[in-house]
Amino acid sequence: MSSRLMGIVFLFVSLLGYAAGTEKPKVNGGVLDARSYDLKSSGSIPLDGKWIVYYDELVSPRDPKAGFAYTDFPEIWQNGQGVATYEMTILLGEATENLALELPQMYSAYKLYCNGELLAENGKVGTNRSSNRPQWLPKLVDIPGNPETINLILQVANFNHAMGGTKVSLVLGTSNELTAKRKLAELVNLGLFGILVVLGIVFLSVYAFFKKEKGVLYFALMCLVWSLRSVFSELYLAIQWLPNLDWELAVKIEYLTLLLEASLAVLFISRLYPFDTHSIINRILTYPIYLFIFFVMATPAALYTKFLNIYLGAAGLVILYVIVVTVRAIIYERYGARFGVLGILAGVGAFSYNMASYLGFFEFNPLLYHTFYVVTFVAVSLALSYQLSPNASKMNTSDEMRFDDFIKY
């Protein structure tokens, strides 16, 4: 068991090292000097560093430029709403063929010019809420021609979300590299989506036709809810499939699936290991989440997105509770608990990795992230299958105090 655990830890560290990558040139004073950097052999470059910024202005390529400052990019605006224009220049030295830019979702609309020409946009950039139309759709766009110098002007506008700007890097690379990277990420994302939908349907069928056990129902719903979230976050595949989908609805789905999953996790773990959970703790954890769900449904994104850290804190408490319950299940040798531990470790790894990449510790690697969640749900489904077997009631019966009894005394 210890050797397997060490192998998993080694793989995790190796993948993190891969995600971090080698040192890249950075933008300084609005210029990225990549004349001595080979994009083909050394890989893509995140366009991070000191960009020129024009706050409270939407500056076009042909507009006179004055009153600029420098800022660390990517950045999240302190005041949340408003407009800004960012500019930087890339020096490539000699012409490089087939270049492309990887563009993330931004808060919450943007327009990007390359060498004076419109290259890409999300939504409609406006100067107020009525003229601004938000959209979240990560893109990969080819840079026309074979330029030796690339000038980028990025207009960003936000009047619909609590945060403005962007927290994710723009990335320059060869079209072949970035296309292969994106296709792999989409394939893994689709794989997770498909696996979760299949697991959800299978366990719903088990609940409907074979065994009316609520733990089965909760797990099926967990799979289906997270399958929905997997295409309404990160790569936002659902927006690619439905580009005209209302932005407010899409953001509500992203937030609601997080909160629903947290509440279902509490309900599920209390059914999976009833000897190791406590009804009062279950209510303390789930009732605030139910209030958050109602709040998200009843208010616009500009309001409920202000409290993202509170939602993540509630999800973190649920994860901590699930860890404690699973440790108890291992200590008292509940039937199939080892699979539960594997699933919990993978789930905690996915959540921690996502938070660490969100905070900028390293570049987000969708392959690693979605693999964690595949392991999580498959392992937990095995733990549930063990609990549904005829031997479970015999194996789980013992003389130790229940968690309810422990709290009572």
Protein backbone atom coordinates (compact mmCIF):
# COMPACT_ATOMS: atom_id res chain seq x y z
CA MET A 1 0.00 0.00 0.00
CA SER A 2 2.79 2.46 0.90
CA SER A 3 4.68 1.78 -2.34
CA ARG A 4 1.54 2.52 -4.38
CA LEU A 5 1.01 5.73 -2.45
CA MET A 6 4.61 6.77 -3.08
CA GLY A 7 4.10 6.07 -6.78
CA ILE A 8 1.02 8.30 -6.86
CA VAL A 9 2.89 11.09 -5.04
CA PHE A 10 5.82 10.79 -7.48
CA LEU A 11 3.47 11.00 -10.48
CA PHE A 12 1.71 14.02 -8.97
CA VAL A 13 4.99 15.87 -8.36
CA SER A 14 6.23 15.00 -11.85
CA LEU A 15 3.08 16.34 -13.47
CA LEU A 16 3.30 19.51 -11.40
CA GLY A 17 6.85 19.98 -12.58
CA TYR A 18 5.73 19.47 -16.15
CA ALA A 19 2.96 22.04 -15.68
CA ALA A 20 5.37 24.59 -14.23
CA GLY A 21 7.64 24.30 -17.28
CA THR A 22 10.95 26.04 -17.89
CA GLU A 23 11.69 29.74 -17.40
CA LYS A 24 10.22 31.93 -20.11
CA PRO A 25 10.93 35.52 -21.17
CA LYS A 26 8.57 38.07 -19.61
CA VAL A 27 7.00 41.32 -20.71
CA ASN A 28 8.94 44.33 -19.44
CA GLY A 29 7.85 47.92 -20.08
CA GLY A 30 5.23 46.73 -22.54
CA VAL A 31 7.75 44.74 -24.62
CA LEU A 32 8.48 41.01 -24.71
CA ASP A 33 11.87 40.35 -26.31
CA ALA A 34 11.72 36.83 -27.75
CA ARG A 35 14.40 37.31 -30.39
CA SER A 36 16.66 34.74 -28.74
CA TYR A 37 13.82 32.36 -27.88
CA ASP A 38 12.82 29.50 -30.18
CA LEU A 39 9.08 28.89 -29.94
CA LYS A 40 9.33 25.64 -31.92
CA SER A 41 11.93 23.95 -29.74
CA SER A 42 11.31 25.61 -26.35
CA GLY A 43 7.54 25.80 -26.38
CA SER A 44 4.92 28.47 -25.90
CA ILE A 45 5.26 31.68 -23.85
CA PRO A 46 2.72 33.09 -21.39
CA LEU A 47 2.50 36.82 -22.09
CA ASP A 48 2.97 37.80 -18.43
CA GLY A 49 4.71 40.85 -17.05
CA LYS A 50 4.50 44.64 -17.24
CA TRP A 51 1.96 45.67 -19.89
CA ILE A 52 0.98 49.20 -20.84
CA VAL A 53 -2.50 49.98 -19.50
CA TYR A 54 -5.03 52.75 -20.14
CA TYR A 55 -7.54 52.60 -17.30
CA ASP A 56 -11.12 53.76 -17.89
CA GLU A 57 -10.47 53.97 -21.63
CA LEU A 58 -11.22 51.82 -24.68
CA VAL A 59 -8.26 52.64 -26.93
CA SER A 60 -8.29 51.44 -30.55
CA PRO A 61 -5.14 50.99 -32.69
CA ARG A 62 -5.61 54.30 -34.52
CA ASP A 63 -6.50 56.36 -31.45
CA PRO A 64 -3.91 58.77 -29.99
CA LYS A 65 -2.33 57.25 -26.89
CA ALA A 66 -1.60 59.28 -23.77
CA GLY A 67 -1.87 58.93 -20.01
CA PHE A 68 -0.77 55.31 -19.86
CA ALA A 69 0.76 53.39 -16.96
CA TYR A 70 2.36 49.98 -16.47
CA THR A 71 0.69 47.08 -14.70
CA ASP A 72 1.31 43.42 -13.97
CA PHE A 73 -0.67 41.35 -16.42
CA PRO A 74 -2.83 39.32 -16.05
CA GLU A 75 -4.61 41.32 -13.38
CA ILE A 76 -7.95 41.44 -11.60
CA TRP A 77 -9.37 44.94 -11.10
CA GLN A 78 -9.78 46.15 -7.57
CA ASN A 79 -13.01 48.00 -8.31
CA GLY A 80 -14.42 45.11 -10.33
CA GLN A 81 -16.41 46.97 -12.96
CA GLY A 82 -15.37 49.37 -15.69
CA VAL A 83 -13.17 49.31 -18.81
CA ALA A 84 -9.45 49.23 -19.56
CA THR A 85 -7.13 48.80 -22.52
CA TYR A 86 -3.86 46.83 -22.39
CA GLU A 87 -1.04 47.00 -24.91
CA MET A 88 2.22 45.16 -25.49
CA THR A 89 4.68 44.40 -28.29
CA ILE A 90 6.43 41.10 -29.04
CA LEU A 91 9.84 41.13 -30.76
CA LEU A 92 10.47 37.88 -32.65
CA GLY A 93 13.61 38.86 -34.56
CA GLU A 94 13.12 36.75 -37.65
CA ALA A 95 9.73 35.73 -38.98
CA THR A 96 8.19 32.62 -37.43
CA GLU A 97 5.52 30.73 -39.36
CA ASN A 98 2.17 29.53 -38.08
CA LEU A 99 1.95 31.41 -34.78
CA ALA A 100 -1.17 31.39 -32.63
CA LEU A 101 -2.54 32.91 -29.45
CA GLU A 102 -4.38 31.01 -26.72
CA LEU A 103 -7.01 33.35 -25.25
CA PRO A 104 -8.77 32.56 -21.96
CA GLN A 105 -12.19 33.75 -20.80
CA MET A 106 -12.01 37.25 -19.37
CA TYR A 107 -14.26 39.29 -17.06
CA SER A 108 -16.41 39.68 -18.95
CA ALA A 109 -16.01 40.87 -22.57
CA TYR A 110 -12.95 41.72 -24.66
CA LYS A 111 -11.75 42.77 -28.09
CA LEU A 112 -8.18 41.97 -29.25
CA TYR A 113 -6.32 43.75 -32.04
CA CYS A 114 -3.14 42.34 -33.59
CA ASN A 115 -0.95 44.73 -35.61
CA GLY A 116 -3.87 47.11 -36.01
CA GLU A 117 -6.44 44.54 -37.16
CA LEU A 118 -9.23 42.91 -35.13
CA LEU A 119 -8.11 39.36 -34.28
CA ALA A 120 -10.65 38.06 -31.74
CA GLU A 121 -13.47 39.12 -29.45
CA ASN A 122 -15.75 37.70 -26.77
CA GLY A 123 -19.18 39.23 -26.37
CA LYS A 124 -19.49 42.95 -27.05
CA VAL A 125 -17.26 45.52 -25.39
CA GLY A 126 -19.26 48.51 -24.13
CA THR A 127 -18.87 51.49 -21.82
CA ASN A 128 -21.84 50.65 -19.57
CA ARG A 129 -24.05 47.72 -18.57
CA SER A 130 -26.59 48.29 -21.33
CA SER A 131 -24.01 48.43 -24.16
CA ASN A 132 -21.73 45.68 -22.81
CA ARG A 133 -22.56 42.03 -23.60
CA PRO A 134 -20.52 39.45 -21.62
CA GLN A 135 -19.33 36.09 -22.92
CA TRP A 136 -16.92 33.43 -21.67
CA LEU A 137 -15.45 31.47 -24.54
CA PRO A 138 -11.74 30.49 -24.48
CA LYS A 139 -10.30 30.65 -27.98
CA LEU A 140 -7.29 29.66 -30.04
CA VAL A 141 -6.63 32.12 -32.89
CA ASP A 142 -3.96 32.09 -35.59
CA ILE A 143 -1.80 35.19 -36.12
CA PRO A 144 -1.96 36.18 -39.79
CA GLY A 145 1.23 36.39 -41.83
CA ASN A 146 4.74 35.80 -40.51
CA PRO A 147 5.45 39.01 -38.58
CA GLU A 148 8.75 39.80 -36.91
CA THR A 149 6.95 42.18 -34.55
CA ILE A 150 3.52 41.70 -33.01
CA ASN A 151 1.60 44.56 -31.41
CA LEU A 152 -1.37 43.55 -29.27
CA ILE A 153 -4.09 45.90 -28.02
CA LEU A 154 -6.63 44.30 -25.69
CA GLN A 155 -9.85 46.07 -24.70
CA VAL A 156 -11.60 44.61 -21.64
CA ALA A 157 -14.98 45.66 -20.25
CA ASN A 158 -16.97 44.35 -17.29
CA PHE A 159 -20.31 45.47 -15.86
CA ASN A 160 -21.82 42.07 -15.10
CA HIS A 161 -19.43 40.29 -12.70
CA ALA A 162 -17.88 41.11 -9.34
CA MET A 163 -14.40 40.76 -10.88
CA GLY A 164 -12.98 42.60 -13.87
CA GLY A 165 -9.88 41.98 -15.98
CA THR A 166 -8.43 38.50 -16.32
CA LYS A 167 -6.67 36.05 -14.02
CA VAL A 168 -5.40 33.73 -16.77
CA SER A 169 -2.47 34.36 -19.10
CA LEU A 170 -2.60 34.89 -22.84
CA VAL A 171 -0.19 32.39 -24.45
CA LEU A 172 1.88 32.73 -27.63
CA GLY A 173 3.10 29.62 -29.41
CA THR A 174 3.17 27.73 -32.66
CA SER A 175 -0.22 26.80 -34.03
CA ASN A 176 0.69 23.10 -34.05
CA GLU A 177 1.70 23.06 -30.39
CA LEU A 178 -1.26 25.05 -29.07
CA THR A 179 -3.75 23.15 -31.25
CA ALA A 180 -2.46 19.78 -30.03
CA LYS A 181 -2.54 21.01 -26.43
CA ARG A 182 -6.11 22.27 -26.78
CA LYS A 183 -7.37 19.13 -28.51
CA LEU A 184 -5.89 16.98 -25.73
CA ALA A 185 -7.49 19.18 -23.08
CA GLU A 186 -10.87 19.00 -24.82
CA LEU A 187 -10.57 15.23 -25.25
CA VAL A 188 -9.84 14.71 -21.56
CA ASN A 189 -12.68 17.08 -20.61
CA LEU A 190 -15.08 15.17 -22.87
CA GLY A 191 -13.82 11.90 -21.39
CA LEU A 192 -14.65 13.08 -17.88
CA PHE A 193 -18.05 14.30 -19.05
CA GLY A 194 -18.83 10.97 -20.71
CA ILE A 195 -17.67 8.85 -17.77
CA LEU A 196 -19.74 10.87 -15.30
CA VAL A 197 -22.86 10.73 -17.46
CA VAL A 198 -22.51 6.94 -17.80
CA LEU A 199 -21.93 6.48 -14.04
CA GLY A 200 -24.90 8.72 -13.30
CA ILE A 201 -27.23 6.78 -15.61
CA VAL A 202 -26.00 3.41 -14.30
CA PHE A 203 -26.54 4.28 -10.63
CA LEU A 204 -29.87 5.97 -11.37
CA SER A 205 -30.94 2.69 -13.01
CA VAL A 206 -29.74 0.74 -9.98
CA TYR A 207 -31.77 3.01 -7.73
CA ALA A 208 -34.89 2.89 -9.94
CA PHE A 209 -34.98 -0.82 -10.71
CA PHE A 210 -32.91 -2.72 -8.16
CA LYS A 211 -32.19 -1.07 -4.82
CA LYS A 212 -33.98 1.93 -3.33
CA GLU A 213 -30.96 3.11 -1.38
CA LYS A 214 -30.66 6.89 -1.12
CA GLY A 215 -26.87 6.70 -1.18
CA VAL A 216 -27.15 5.35 -4.73
CA LEU A 217 -29.44 8.22 -5.71
CA TYR A 218 -27.13 10.82 -4.18
CA PHE A 219 -24.09 9.42 -5.96
CA ALA A 220 -25.93 9.31 -9.29
CA LEU A 221 -26.90 12.96 -8.85
CA MET A 222 -23.31 13.84 -7.89
CA CYS A 223 -22.07 12.32 -11.14
CA LEU A 224 -24.65 14.13 -13.26
CA VAL A 225 -24.17 17.48 -11.49
CA TRP A 226 -20.39 17.35 -11.88
CA SER A 227 -20.69 16.24 -15.50
CA LEU A 228 -22.65 19.45 -16.09
CA ARG A 229 -20.06 21.51 -14.23
CA SER A 230 -17.22 19.94 -16.25
CA VAL A 231 -18.53 21.58 -19.42
CA PHE A 232 -19.52 24.88 -17.75
CA SER A 233 -16.07 25.66 -16.29
CA GLU A 234 -12.40 25.78 -17.28
CA LEU A 235 -12.67 25.17 -21.07
CA TYR A 236 -16.39 26.03 -21.13
CA LEU A 237 -17.17 23.40 -23.76
CA ALA A 238 -20.90 24.05 -23.36
CA ILE A 239 -20.37 27.63 -24.59
CA GLN A 240 -18.58 26.26 -27.65
CA TRP A 241 -21.57 24.03 -28.35
CA LEU A 242 -24.08 26.80 -27.58
CA PRO A 243 -22.30 30.12 -28.30
CA ASN A 244 -25.52 32.11 -27.99
CA LEU A 245 -26.37 30.73 -24.55
CA ASP A 246 -27.27 33.49 -22.12
CA TRP A 247 -24.18 34.44 -20.08
CA GLU A 248 -26.13 34.92 -16.83
CA LEU A 249 -27.57 31.40 -17.15
CA ALA A 250 -24.15 29.90 -17.88
CA VAL A 251 -22.58 31.54 -14.81
CA LYS A 252 -25.49 30.44 -12.61
CA ILE A 253 -24.97 26.85 -13.77
CA GLU A 254 -21.25 27.07 -12.94
CA TYR A 255 -21.92 28.35 -9.40
CA LEU A 256 -24.97 26.19 -8.68
CA THR A 257 -23.23 22.96 -9.69
CA LEU A 258 -20.42 23.70 -7.21
CA LEU A 259 -22.90 24.29 -4.38
CA LEU A 260 -25.14 21.36 -5.29
CA GLU A 261 -22.15 19.04 -5.44
CA ALA A 262 -21.03 20.12 -1.95
CA SER A 263 -24.48 19.49 -0.45
CA LEU A 264 -24.84 16.14 -2.23
CA ALA A 265 -21.39 15.10 -0.96
CA VAL A 266 -22.56 15.53 2.64
CA LEU A 267 -25.77 13.57 2.01
CA PHE A 268 -23.87 10.85 0.18
CA ILE A 269 -21.10 10.36 2.75
CA SER A 270 -23.71 10.13 5.52
CA ARG A 271 -25.32 7.23 3.64
CA LEU A 272 -22.05 5.60 2.63
CA TYR A 273 -20.67 5.54 6.19
CA PRO A 274 -23.64 6.12 8.55
CA PHE A 275 -21.67 4.98 11.63
CA ASP A 276 -19.07 7.71 11.04
CA THR A 277 -21.21 10.80 10.40
CA HIS A 278 -23.39 12.95 12.62
CA SER A 279 -26.79 14.37 11.71
CA ILE A 280 -26.18 17.72 13.41
CA ILE A 281 -22.91 18.26 11.54
CA ASN A 282 -24.67 17.29 8.32
CA ARG A 283 -27.26 20.00 8.88
CA ILE A 284 -24.67 22.61 9.92
CA LEU A 285 -22.86 22.03 6.63
CA THR A 286 -25.81 21.72 4.26
CA TYR A 287 -28.27 24.38 5.47
CA PRO A 288 -25.98 27.36 4.67
CA ILE A 289 -25.29 25.81 1.26
CA TYR A 290 -29.04 25.65 0.60
CA LEU A 291 -29.23 29.37 1.41
CA PHE A 292 -26.34 30.05 -0.99
CA ILE A 293 -28.17 28.10 -3.71
CA PHE A 294 -31.30 30.20 -3.24
CA PHE A 295 -29.21 33.40 -3.23
CA VAL A 296 -27.47 32.48 -6.52
CA MET A 297 -30.80 31.63 -8.15
CA ALA A 298 -32.50 34.84 -6.99
CA THR A 299 -29.81 37.46 -7.69
CA PRO A 300 -27.74 38.61 -10.72
CA ALA A 301 -24.15 37.55 -11.24
CA ALA A 302 -22.85 41.02 -10.38
CA LEU A 303 -24.07 40.41 -6.82
CA TYR A 304 -23.66 36.71 -6.02
CA THR A 305 -20.19 36.43 -7.58
CA LYS A 306 -18.91 38.78 -4.84
CA PHE A 307 -19.14 35.90 -2.40
CA LEU A 308 -17.16 33.27 -4.32
CA ASN A 309 -14.62 32.89 -1.50
CA ILE A 310 -17.45 32.08 0.92
CA TYR A 311 -18.78 29.39 -1.41
CA LEU A 312 -15.29 27.93 -1.79
CA GLY A 313 -14.86 28.04 2.00
CA ALA A 314 -18.10 26.08 2.44
CA ALA A 315 -16.92 23.54 -0.14
CA GLY A 316 -13.58 23.29 1.70
CA LEU A 317 -15.36 22.53 4.99
CA VAL A 318 -17.33 19.78 3.26
CA ILE A 319 -14.12 18.29 1.92
CA LEU A 320 -12.58 18.40 5.41
CA TYR A 321 -15.64 16.66 6.85
CA VAL A 322 -15.53 13.98 4.16
CA ILE A 323 -11.84 13.38 4.94
CA VAL A 324 -12.57 12.95 8.66
CA VAL A 325 -15.44 10.54 7.95
CA THR A 326 -13.33 8.51 5.53
CA VAL A 327 -10.45 8.28 8.01
CA ARG A 328 -12.88 6.93 10.61
CA ALA A 329 -14.16 4.43 8.07
CA ILE A 330 -10.60 3.22 7.50
CA ILE A 331 -9.82 3.03 11.23
CA TYR A 332 -12.92 0.93 11.89
CA GLU A 333 -12.38 -1.10 8.72
CA ARG A 334 -15.64 -0.33 6.95
CA TYR A 335 -16.22 -2.56 3.98
CA GLY A 336 -14.61 -1.10 0.82
CA ALA A 337 -13.30 1.98 2.65
CA ARG A 338 -9.92 1.80 0.88
CA PHE A 339 -11.58 2.74 -2.39
CA GLY A 340 -13.25 5.61 -0.57
CA VAL A 341 -9.85 6.83 0.62
CA LEU A 342 -8.44 6.69 -2.90
CA GLY A 343 -11.41 8.66 -4.19
CA ILE A 344 -11.13 11.25 -1.42
CA LEU A 345 -7.39 11.69 -1.96
CA ALA A 346 -7.94 12.24 -5.68
CA GLY A 347 -10.81 14.65 -5.01
CA VAL A 348 -8.77 16.66 -2.52
CA GLY A 349 -5.88 16.66 -4.98
CA ALA A 350 -8.12 18.02 -7.76
CA PHE A 351 -9.62 20.73 -5.53
CA SER A 352 -6.20 21.77 -4.15
CA TYR A 353 -4.62 21.78 -7.59
CA ASN A 354 -7.42 23.92 -9.00
CA MET A 355 -7.12 26.42 -6.14
CA ALA A 356 -3.31 26.56 -6.42
CA SER A 357 -3.43 27.20 -10.17
CA TYR A 358 -6.23 29.75 -9.61
CA LEU A 359 -3.89 31.61 -7.22
CA GLY A 360 -1.12 31.55 -9.83
CA PHE A 361 1.33 29.03 -8.36
CA PHE A 362 1.61 27.23 -11.69
CA GLU A 363 -0.01 26.89 -15.11
CA PHE A 364 -3.30 24.96 -15.13
CA ASN A 365 -2.97 21.47 -16.64
CA PRO A 366 -6.42 20.14 -17.66
CA LEU A 367 -5.07 16.62 -18.20
CA LEU A 368 -3.96 16.36 -14.58
CA TYR A 369 -7.07 18.11 -13.25
CA HIS A 370 -9.63 15.96 -15.05
CA THR A 371 -7.66 12.76 -14.39
CA PHE A 372 -7.97 13.47 -10.67
CA TYR A 373 -11.74 13.69 -10.99
CA VAL A 374 -12.00 10.51 -13.08
CA VAL A 375 -10.13 8.63 -10.32
CA THR A 376 -12.33 10.29 -7.68
CA PHE A 377 -15.66 9.20 -9.11
CA VAL A 378 -14.57 5.75 -10.25
CA ALA A 379 -13.03 4.97 -6.84
CA VAL A 380 -16.06 6.27 -4.94
CA SER A 381 -18.36 4.21 -7.18
CA LEU A 382 -16.36 1.12 -6.18
CA ALA A 383 -16.65 2.05 -2.50
CA LEU A 384 -20.42 2.42 -2.95
CA SER A 385 -20.62 -0.92 -4.75
CA TYR A 386 -18.91 -2.59 -1.79
CA GLN A 387 -21.38 -0.97 0.60
CA LEU A 388 -24.30 -2.28 -1.47
CA SER A 389 -23.04 -5.87 -1.31
CA PRO A 390 -24.67 -8.40 1.10
CA ASN A 391 -21.45 -8.60 3.16
CA ALA A 392 -21.44 -4.88 4.01
CA SER A 393 -23.98 -5.07 6.86
CA LYS A 394 -22.01 -7.86 8.53
CA MET A 395 -18.61 -6.23 8.07
CA ASN A 396 -19.76 -2.79 9.30
CA THR A 397 -21.36 -4.02 12.52
CA SER A 398 -19.08 -3.62 15.52
CA ASP A 399 -19.06 -2.66 19.20
CA GLU A 400 -17.40 0.76 18.82
CA MET A 401 -19.37 3.94 19.46
CA ARG A 402 -21.15 5.57 16.54
CA PHE A 403 -20.18 9.13 15.68
CA ASP A 404 -23.61 10.23 16.96
CA ASP A 405 -22.89 8.60 20.31
CA PHE A 406 -19.41 10.17 20.45
CA ILE A 407 -20.86 13.68 19.97
CA LYS A 408 -23.69 13.01 22.41
CA TYR A 409 -21.34 12.15 25.24
